[in-house]
């Protein structure tokens, strides 16, 4: 049985992280409040990364904005991932 919280990318083991909170370093003059909210919500969820620093870099690269603050867990049994 495989461990779904692990992924191998180019021979490197990546762990599944659940981002529960994130704050980007937005330039508020060039992006609307609605766009900021959408980008923030899009970043919350499951990501694969090698470690916390890699996670932050991966999200910054993917979303196009530097991460100012982030909360995450490797415990994917969380209210954000539960369903009825």
PDB file of N, CA and C in Angstrom:
ATOM      1  N   UNK A   1       0.850  -1.182   0.000  1.00  0.00           N
ATOM      2  CA  UNK A   1       0.000   0.000   0.000  1.00  0.00           C
ATOM      3  C   UNK A   1       0.889   1.236   0.000  1.00  0.00           C
ATOM      4  N   UNK A   2       0.591   2.199  -0.831  1.00  0.00           N
ATOM      5  CA  UNK A   2       1.416   3.403  -0.909  1.00  0.00           C
ATOM      6  C   UNK A   2       0.936   4.460   0.083  1.00  0.00           C
ATOM      7  N   UNK A   3       1.858   5.325   0.457  1.00  0.00           N
ATOM      8  CA  UNK A   3       1.541   6.420   1.374  1.00  0.00           C
ATOM      9  C   UNK A   3       1.139   7.632   0.540  1.00  0.00           C
ATOM     10  N   UNK A   4      -0.126   8.027   0.601  1.00  0.00           N
ATOM     11  CA  UNK A   4      -0.630   9.112  -0.236  1.00  0.00           C
ATOM     12  C   UNK A   4      -0.107  10.480   0.179  1.00  0.00           C
ATOM     13  N   UNK A   5       0.508  10.574   1.365  1.00  0.00           N
ATOM     14  CA  UNK A   5       1.023  11.867   1.798  1.00  0.00           C
ATOM     15  C   UNK A   5       2.462  12.097   1.319  1.00  0.00           C
ATOM     16  N   UNK A   6       2.997  11.142   0.549  1.00  0.00           N
ATOM     17  CA  UNK A   6       4.338  11.286  -0.014  1.00  0.00           C
ATOM     18  C   UNK A   6       4.272  11.220  -1.533  1.00  0.00           C
ATOM     19  N   UNK A   7       5.151  11.939  -2.191  1.00  0.00           N
ATOM     20  CA  UNK A   7       5.245  11.931  -3.640  1.00  0.00           C
ATOM     21  C   UNK A   7       6.724  12.013  -3.986  1.00  0.00           C
ATOM     22  N   UNK A   8       7.112  11.314  -5.025  1.00  0.00           N
ATOM     23  CA  UNK A   8       8.500  11.378  -5.478  1.00  0.00           C
ATOM     24  C   UNK A   8       8.567  12.194  -6.761  1.00  0.00           C
ATOM     25  N   UNK A   9       9.412  13.216  -6.755  1.00  0.00           N
ATOM     26  CA  UNK A   9       9.599  14.086  -7.915  1.00  0.00           C
ATOM     27  C   UNK A   9      11.090  14.145  -8.211  1.00  0.00           C
ATOM     28  N   UNK A  10      11.483  13.637  -9.367  1.00  0.00           N
ATOM     29  CA  UNK A  10      12.890  13.608  -9.766  1.00  0.00           C
ATOM     30  C   UNK A  10      13.731  12.903  -8.704  1.00  0.00           C
ATOM     31  N   UNK A  11      13.176  11.831  -8.127  1.00  0.00           N
ATOM     32  CA  UNK A  11      13.890  11.048  -7.143  1.00  0.00           C
ATOM     33  C   UNK A  11      13.921  11.635  -5.740  1.00  0.00           C
ATOM     34  N   UNK A  12      13.276  12.769  -5.549  1.00  0.00           N
ATOM     35  CA  UNK A  12      13.256  13.430  -4.245  1.00  0.00           C
ATOM     36  C   UNK A  12      11.871  13.236  -3.620  1.00  0.00           C
ATOM     37  N   UNK A  13      11.872  12.830  -2.353  1.00  0.00           N
ATOM     38  CA  UNK A  13      10.601  12.604  -1.657  1.00  0.00           C
ATOM     39  C   UNK A  13       9.996  13.941  -1.242  1.00  0.00           C
ATOM     40  N   UNK A  14       8.762  14.165  -1.641  1.00  0.00           N
ATOM     41  CA  UNK A  14       8.028  15.359  -1.236  1.00  0.00           C
ATOM     42  C   UNK A  14       6.883  14.942  -0.325  1.00  0.00           C
ATOM     43  N   UNK A  15       6.635  15.749   0.695  1.00  0.00           N
ATOM     44  CA  UNK A  15       5.578  15.513   1.664  1.00  0.00           C
ATOM     45  C   UNK A  15       4.367  16.369   1.321  1.00  0.00           C
ATOM     46  N   UNK A  16       3.184  15.868   1.623  1.00  0.00           N
ATOM     47  CA  UNK A  16       1.969  16.649   1.416  1.00  0.00           C
ATOM     48  C   UNK A  16       1.795  17.613   2.592  1.00  0.00           C
ATOM     49  N   UNK A  17       1.644  18.875   2.285  1.00  0.00           N
ATOM     50  CA  UNK A  17       1.393  19.914   3.286  1.00  0.00           C
ATOM     51  C   UNK A  17       0.001  20.478   3.067  1.00  0.00           C
ATOM     52  N   UNK A  18      -0.673  20.762   4.145  1.00  0.00           N
ATOM     53  CA  UNK A  18      -1.970  21.427   4.094  1.00  0.00           C
ATOM     54  C   UNK A  18      -1.769  22.862   4.555  1.00  0.00           C
ATOM     55  N   UNK A  19      -1.905  23.799   3.627  1.00  0.00           N
ATOM     56  CA  UNK A  19      -1.798  25.224   3.957  1.00  0.00           C
ATOM     57  C   UNK A  19      -3.150  25.662   4.505  1.00  0.00           C
ATOM     58  N   UNK A  20      -3.142  26.144   5.753  1.00  0.00           N
ATOM     59  CA  UNK A  20      -4.381  26.540   6.417  1.00  0.00           C
ATOM     60  C   UNK A  20      -4.554  28.054   6.481  1.00  0.00           C
ATOM     61  N   UNK A  21      -3.455  28.790   6.311  1.00  0.00           N
ATOM     62  CA  UNK A  21      -3.489  30.261   6.327  1.00  0.00           C
ATOM     63  C   UNK A  21      -2.291  30.743   5.527  1.00  0.00           C
ATOM     64  N   UNK A  22      -2.503  31.808   4.751  1.00  0.00           N
ATOM     65  CA  UNK A  22      -1.390  32.394   4.004  1.00  0.00           C
ATOM     66  C   UNK A  22      -1.638  33.884   3.814  1.00  0.00           C
ATOM     67  N   UNK A  23      -0.568  34.649   3.855  1.00  0.00           N
ATOM     68  CA  UNK A  23      -0.631  36.089   3.625  1.00  0.00           C
ATOM     69  C   UNK A  23       0.480  36.433   2.636  1.00  0.00           C
ATOM     70  N   UNK A  24       0.103  37.046   1.532  1.00  0.00           N
ATOM     71  CA  UNK A  24       1.067  37.425   0.505  1.00  0.00           C
ATOM     72  C   UNK A  24       1.491  38.878   0.670  1.00  0.00           C
ATOM     73  N   UNK A  25       2.640  39.209   0.132  1.00  0.00           N
ATOM     74  CA  UNK A  25       3.157  40.574   0.130  1.00  0.00           C
ATOM     75  C   UNK A  25       2.647  41.270  -1.132  1.00  0.00           C
ATOM     76  N   UNK A  26       1.353  41.591  -1.127  1.00  0.00           N
ATOM     77  CA  UNK A  26       0.724  42.201  -2.290  1.00  0.00           C
ATOM     78  C   UNK A  26       1.109  43.672  -2.428  1.00  0.00           C
ATOM     79  N   UNK A  27       1.268  44.101  -3.672  1.00  0.00           N
ATOM     80  CA  UNK A  27       1.405  45.517  -3.994  1.00  0.00           C
ATOM     81  C   UNK A  27      -0.018  46.007  -4.248  1.00  0.00           C
ATOM     82  N   UNK A  28      -0.629  46.589  -3.223  1.00  0.00           N
ATOM     83  CA  UNK A  28      -2.057  46.899  -3.269  1.00  0.00           C
ATOM     84  C   UNK A  28      -2.436  47.906  -4.351  1.00  0.00           C
ATOM     85  N   UNK A  29      -1.467  48.626  -4.895  1.00  0.00           N
ATOM     86  CA  UNK A  29      -1.775  49.576  -5.963  1.00  0.00           C
ATOM     87  C   UNK A  29      -2.033  48.868  -7.287  1.00  0.00           C
ATOM     88  N   UNK A  30      -1.537  47.631  -7.424  1.00  0.00           N
ATOM     89  CA  UNK A  30      -1.615  46.947  -8.710  1.00  0.00           C
ATOM     90  C   UNK A  30      -2.526  45.724  -8.728  1.00  0.00           C
ATOM     91  N   UNK A  31      -3.220  45.478  -7.638  1.00  0.00           N
ATOM     92  CA  UNK A  31      -4.105  44.317  -7.584  1.00  0.00           C
ATOM     93  C   UNK A  31      -5.314  44.668  -6.704  1.00  0.00           C
ATOM     94  N   UNK A  32      -6.485  44.310  -7.208  1.00  0.00           N
ATOM     95  CA  UNK A  32      -7.711  44.659  -6.482  1.00  0.00           C
ATOM     96  C   UNK A  32      -7.897  43.767  -5.254  1.00  0.00           C
ATOM     97  N   UNK A  33      -8.762  44.218  -4.363  1.00  0.00           N
ATOM     98  CA  UNK A  33      -9.060  43.448  -3.153  1.00  0.00           C
ATOM     99  C   UNK A  33      -9.638  42.087  -3.516  1.00  0.00           C
ATOM    100  N   UNK A  34     -10.503  42.047  -4.503  1.00  0.00           N
ATOM    101  CA  UNK A  34     -11.102  40.784  -4.949  1.00  0.00           C
ATOM    102  C   UNK A  34     -10.048  39.816  -5.480  1.00  0.00           C
ATOM    103  N   UNK A  35      -9.103  40.325  -6.267  1.00  0.00           N
ATOM    104  CA  UNK A  35      -8.025  39.478  -6.788  1.00  0.00           C
ATOM    105  C   UNK A  35      -7.131  38.968  -5.663  1.00  0.00           C
ATOM    106  N   UNK A  36      -6.864  39.825  -4.666  1.00  0.00           N
ATOM    107  CA  UNK A  36      -6.061  39.398  -3.518  1.00  0.00           C
ATOM    108  C   UNK A  36      -6.759  38.268  -2.766  1.00  0.00           C
ATOM    109  N   UNK A  37      -8.062  38.418  -2.552  1.00  0.00           N
ATOM    110  CA  UNK A  37      -8.828  37.387  -1.844  1.00  0.00           C
ATOM    111  C   UNK A  37      -8.848  36.079  -2.632  1.00  0.00           C
ATOM    112  N   UNK A  38      -9.025  36.169  -3.962  1.00  0.00           N
ATOM    113  CA  UNK A  38      -9.049  34.973  -4.802  1.00  0.00           C
ATOM    114  C   UNK A  38      -7.711  34.241  -4.773  1.00  0.00           C
ATOM    115  N   UNK A  39      -6.610  34.971  -4.905  1.00  0.00           N
ATOM    116  CA  UNK A  39      -5.285  34.352  -4.877  1.00  0.00           C
ATOM    117  C   UNK A  39      -5.010  33.697  -3.526  1.00  0.00           C
ATOM    118  N   UNK A  40      -5.418  34.368  -2.459  1.00  0.00           N
ATOM    119  CA  UNK A  40      -5.217  33.821  -1.126  1.00  0.00           C
ATOM    120  C   UNK A  40      -6.006  32.524  -0.956  1.00  0.00           C
ATOM    121  N   UNK A  41      -7.264  32.511  -1.372  1.00  0.00           N
ATOM    122  CA  UNK A  41      -8.084  31.298  -1.268  1.00  0.00           C
ATOM    123  C   UNK A  41      -7.553  30.177  -2.159  1.00  0.00           C
ATOM    124  N   UNK A  42      -7.025  30.529  -3.333  1.00  0.00           N
ATOM    125  CA  UNK A  42      -6.472  29.519  -4.238  1.00  0.00           C
ATOM    126  C   UNK A  42      -5.238  28.841  -3.646  1.00  0.00           C
ATOM    127  N   UNK A  43      -4.498  29.540  -2.803  1.00  0.00           N
ATOM    128  CA  UNK A  43      -3.267  28.985  -2.225  1.00  0.00           C
ATOM    129  C   UNK A  43      -3.537  28.093  -1.023  1.00  0.00           C
ATOM    130  N   UNK A  44      -4.698  28.231  -0.415  1.00  0.00           N
ATOM    131  CA  UNK A  44      -5.044  27.404   0.744  1.00  0.00           C
ATOM    132  C   UNK A  44      -5.453  26.022   0.250  1.00  0.00           C
ATOM    133  N   UNK A  45      -4.843  25.006   0.843  1.00  0.00           N
ATOM    134  CA  UNK A  45      -5.147  23.639   0.425  1.00  0.00           C
ATOM    135  C   UNK A  45      -3.903  22.778   0.452  1.00  0.00           C
ATOM    136  N   UNK A  46      -3.922  21.712  -0.341  1.00  0.00           N
ATOM    137  CA  UNK A  46      -2.844  20.732  -0.334  1.00  0.00           C
ATOM    138  C   UNK A  46      -1.758  21.063  -1.346  1.00  0.00           C
ATOM    139  N   UNK A  47      -0.511  20.956  -0.899  1.00  0.00           N
ATOM    140  CA  UNK A  47       0.679  21.186  -1.726  1.00  0.00           C
ATOM    141  C   UNK A  47       1.705  20.107  -1.398  1.00  0.00           C
ATOM    142  N   UNK A  48       2.486  19.713  -2.377  1.00  0.00           N
ATOM    143  CA  UNK A  48       3.620  18.813  -2.142  1.00  0.00           C
ATOM    144  C   UNK A  48       4.896  19.634  -2.139  1.00  0.00           C
ATOM    145  N   UNK A  49       5.764  19.375  -1.157  1.00  0.00           N
ATOM    146  CA  UNK A  49       7.044  20.074  -1.067  1.00  0.00           C
ATOM    147  C   UNK A  49       8.024  19.225  -0.263  1.00  0.00           C
ATOM    148  N   UNK A  50       9.306  19.564  -0.382  1.00  0.00           N
ATOM    149  CA  UNK A  50      10.355  18.852   0.333  1.00  0.00           C
ATOM    150  C   UNK A  50      10.351  19.234   1.811  1.00  0.00           C
ATOM    151  N   UNK A  51      10.194  20.533   2.088  1.00  0.00           N
ATOM    152  CA  UNK A  51      10.172  21.049   3.460  1.00  0.00           C
ATOM    153  C   UNK A  51       9.428  22.377   3.453  1.00  0.00           C
ATOM    154  N   UNK A  52       9.358  23.023   4.617  1.00  0.00           N
ATOM    155  CA  UNK A  52       8.609  24.275   4.731  1.00  0.00           C
ATOM    156  C   UNK A  52       9.156  25.392   3.862  1.00  0.00           C
ATOM    157  N   UNK A  53      10.474  25.485   3.754  1.00  0.00           N
ATOM    158  CA  UNK A  53      11.076  26.522   2.910  1.00  0.00           C
ATOM    159  C   UNK A  53      10.751  26.282   1.437  1.00  0.00           C
ATOM    160  N   UNK A  54      10.832  25.026   1.013  1.00  0.00           N
ATOM    161  CA  UNK A  54      10.488  24.679  -0.360  1.00  0.00           C
ATOM    162  C   UNK A  54       9.010  24.963  -0.637  1.00  0.00           C
ATOM    163  N   UNK A  55       8.161  24.681   0.346  1.00  0.00           N
ATOM    164  CA  UNK A  55       6.733  24.962   0.225  1.00  0.00           C
ATOM    165  C   UNK A  55       6.495  26.448  -0.029  1.00  0.00           C
ATOM    166  N   UNK A  56       7.133  27.297   0.768  1.00  0.00           N
ATOM    167  CA  UNK A  56       6.978  28.747   0.617  1.00  0.00           C
ATOM    168  C   UNK A  56       7.454  29.207  -0.755  1.00  0.00           C
ATOM    169  N   UNK A  57       8.607  28.709  -1.193  1.00  0.00           N
ATOM    170  CA  UNK A  57       9.137  29.071  -2.509  1.00  0.00           C
ATOM    171  C   UNK A  57       8.216  28.596  -3.624  1.00  0.00           C
ATOM    172  N   UNK A  58       7.703  27.373  -3.494  1.00  0.00           N
ATOM    173  CA  UNK A  58       6.826  26.803  -4.518  1.00  0.00           C
ATOM    174  C   UNK A  58       5.534  27.619  -4.653  1.00  0.00           C
ATOM    175  N   UNK A  59       4.955  27.997  -3.517  1.00  0.00           N
ATOM    176  CA  UNK A  59       3.724  28.793  -3.553  1.00  0.00           C
ATOM    177  C   UNK A  59       4.007  30.170  -4.141  1.00  0.00           C
ATOM    178  N   UNK A  60       5.099  30.809  -3.728  1.00  0.00           N
ATOM    179  CA  UNK A  60       5.460  32.130  -4.273  1.00  0.00           C
ATOM    180  C   UNK A  60       5.646  32.056  -5.780  1.00  0.00           C
ATOM    181  N   UNK A  61       6.363  31.036  -6.255  1.00  0.00           N
ATOM    182  CA  UNK A  61       6.597  30.882  -7.696  1.00  0.00           C
ATOM    183  C   UNK A  61       5.298  30.625  -8.445  1.00  0.00           C
ATOM    184  N   UNK A  62       4.441  29.786  -7.879  1.00  0.00           N
ATOM    185  CA  UNK A  62       3.184  29.428  -8.536  1.00  0.00           C
ATOM    186  C   UNK A  62       2.198  30.597  -8.560  1.00  0.00           C
ATOM    187  N   UNK A  63       2.086  31.300  -7.446  1.00  0.00           N
ATOM    188  CA  UNK A  63       1.077  32.359  -7.326  1.00  0.00           C
ATOM    189  C   UNK A  63       1.570  33.713  -7.835  1.00  0.00           C
ATOM    190  N   UNK A  64       2.883  33.899  -7.920  1.00  0.00           N
ATOM    191  CA  UNK A  64       3.424  35.151  -8.452  1.00  0.00           C
ATOM    192  C   UNK A  64       3.622  36.244  -7.422  1.00  0.00           C
ATOM    193  N   UNK A  65       3.447  35.936  -6.145  1.00  0.00           N
ATOM    194  CA  UNK A  65       3.615  36.912  -5.067  1.00  0.00           C
ATOM    195  C   UNK A  65       4.395  36.262  -3.935  1.00  0.00           C
ATOM    196  N   UNK A  66       5.244  37.036  -3.279  1.00  0.00           N
ATOM    197  CA  UNK A  66       6.015  36.526  -2.155  1.00  0.00           C
ATOM    198  C   UNK A  66       5.100  36.246  -0.962  1.00  0.00           C
ATOM    199  N   UNK A  67       5.387  35.171  -0.259  1.00  0.00           N
ATOM    200  CA  UNK A  67       4.632  34.808   0.938  1.00  0.00           C
ATOM    201  C   UNK A  67       5.198  35.589   2.121  1.00  0.00           C
ATOM    202  N   UNK A  68       4.317  36.328   2.827  1.00  0.00           N
ATOM    203  CA  UNK A  68       4.730  37.044   4.045  1.00  0.00           C
ATOM    204  C   UNK A  68       4.582  36.167   5.280  1.00  0.00           C
ATOM    205  N   UNK A  69       3.480  35.426   5.340  1.00  0.00           N
ATOM    206  CA  UNK A  69       3.189  34.606   6.511  1.00  0.00           C
ATOM    207  C   UNK A  69       2.423  33.377   6.043  1.00  0.00           C
ATOM    208  N   UNK A  70       2.695  32.255   6.693  1.00  0.00           N
ATOM    209  CA  UNK A  70       2.033  31.011   6.290  1.00  0.00           C
ATOM    210  C   UNK A  70       1.895  30.087   7.498  1.00  0.00           C
ATOM    211  N   UNK A  71       0.778  29.386   7.553  1.00  0.00           N
ATOM    212  CA  UNK A  71       0.561  28.313   8.526  1.00  0.00           C
ATOM    213  C   UNK A  71       0.241  27.058   7.727  1.00  0.00           C
ATOM    214  N   UNK A  72       0.881  25.964   8.107  1.00  0.00           N
ATOM    215  CA  UNK A  72       0.639  24.709   7.407  1.00  0.00           C
ATOM    216  C   UNK A  72       0.843  23.552   8.371  1.00  0.00           C
ATOM    217  N   UNK A  73       0.357  22.397   7.951  1.00  0.00           N
ATOM    218  CA  UNK A  73       0.505  21.179   8.738  1.00  0.00           C
ATOM    219  C   UNK A  73       0.707  20.006   7.794  1.00  0.00           C
ATOM    220  N   UNK A  74       1.301  18.953   8.293  1.00  0.00           N
ATOM    221  CA  UNK A  74       1.387  17.717   7.518  1.00  0.00           C
ATOM    222  C   UNK A  74       0.276  16.761   7.931  1.00  0.00           C
ATOM    223  N   UNK A  75      -0.515  17.172   8.912  1.00  0.00           N
ATOM    224  CA  UNK A  75      -1.669  16.382   9.355  1.00  0.00           C
ATOM    225  C   UNK A  75      -2.831  16.697   8.420  1.00  0.00           C
ATOM    226  N   UNK A  76      -3.039  15.835   7.451  1.00  0.00           N
ATOM    227  CA  UNK A  76      -4.087  16.113   6.466  1.00  0.00           C
ATOM    228  C   UNK A  76      -5.474  15.692   6.937  1.00  0.00           C
ATOM    229  N   UNK A  77      -5.563  15.128   8.146  1.00  0.00           N
ATOM    230  CA  UNK A  77      -6.872  14.893   8.760  1.00  0.00           C
ATOM    231  C   UNK A  77      -7.238  16.166   9.513  1.00  0.00           C
ATOM    232  N   UNK A  78      -7.794  17.086   8.798  1.00  0.00           N
ATOM    233  CA  UNK A  78      -7.998  18.455   9.265  1.00  0.00           C
ATOM    234  C   UNK A  78      -9.389  18.905   8.826  1.00  0.00           C
ATOM    235  N   UNK A  79     -10.007  19.849   9.533  1.00  0.00           N
ATOM    236  CA  UNK A  79     -11.329  20.327   9.115  1.00  0.00           C
ATOM    237  C   UNK A  79     -11.398  20.829   7.671  1.00  0.00           C
ATOM    238  N   UNK A  80     -10.288  21.353   7.134  1.00  0.00           N
ATOM    239  CA  UNK A  80     -10.318  21.826   5.746  1.00  0.00           C
ATOM    240  C   UNK A  80     -10.392  20.682   4.740  1.00  0.00           C
ATOM    241  N   UNK A  81      -9.996  19.472   5.139  1.00  0.00           N
ATOM    242  CA  UNK A  81     -10.024  18.356   4.213  1.00  0.00           C
ATOM    243  C   UNK A  81     -11.105  17.330   4.534  1.00  0.00           C
ATOM    244  N   UNK A  82     -11.861  17.555   5.589  1.00  0.00           N
ATOM    245  CA  UNK A  82     -12.897  16.605   5.952  1.00  0.00           C
ATOM    246  C   UNK A  82     -14.166  16.860   5.135  1.00  0.00           C
ATOM    247  N   UNK A  83     -14.970  15.854   5.040  1.00  0.00           N
ATOM    248  CA  UNK A  83     -16.233  15.958   4.334  1.00  0.00           C
ATOM    249  C   UNK A  83     -17.256  15.071   5.010  1.00  0.00           C
ATOM    250  N   UNK A  84     -18.495  15.332   4.704  1.00  0.00           N
ATOM    251  CA  UNK A  84     -19.569  14.544   5.321  1.00  0.00           C
ATOM    252  C   UNK A  84     -20.046  13.489   4.370  1.00  0.00           C
TER     253      UNK A  84
END
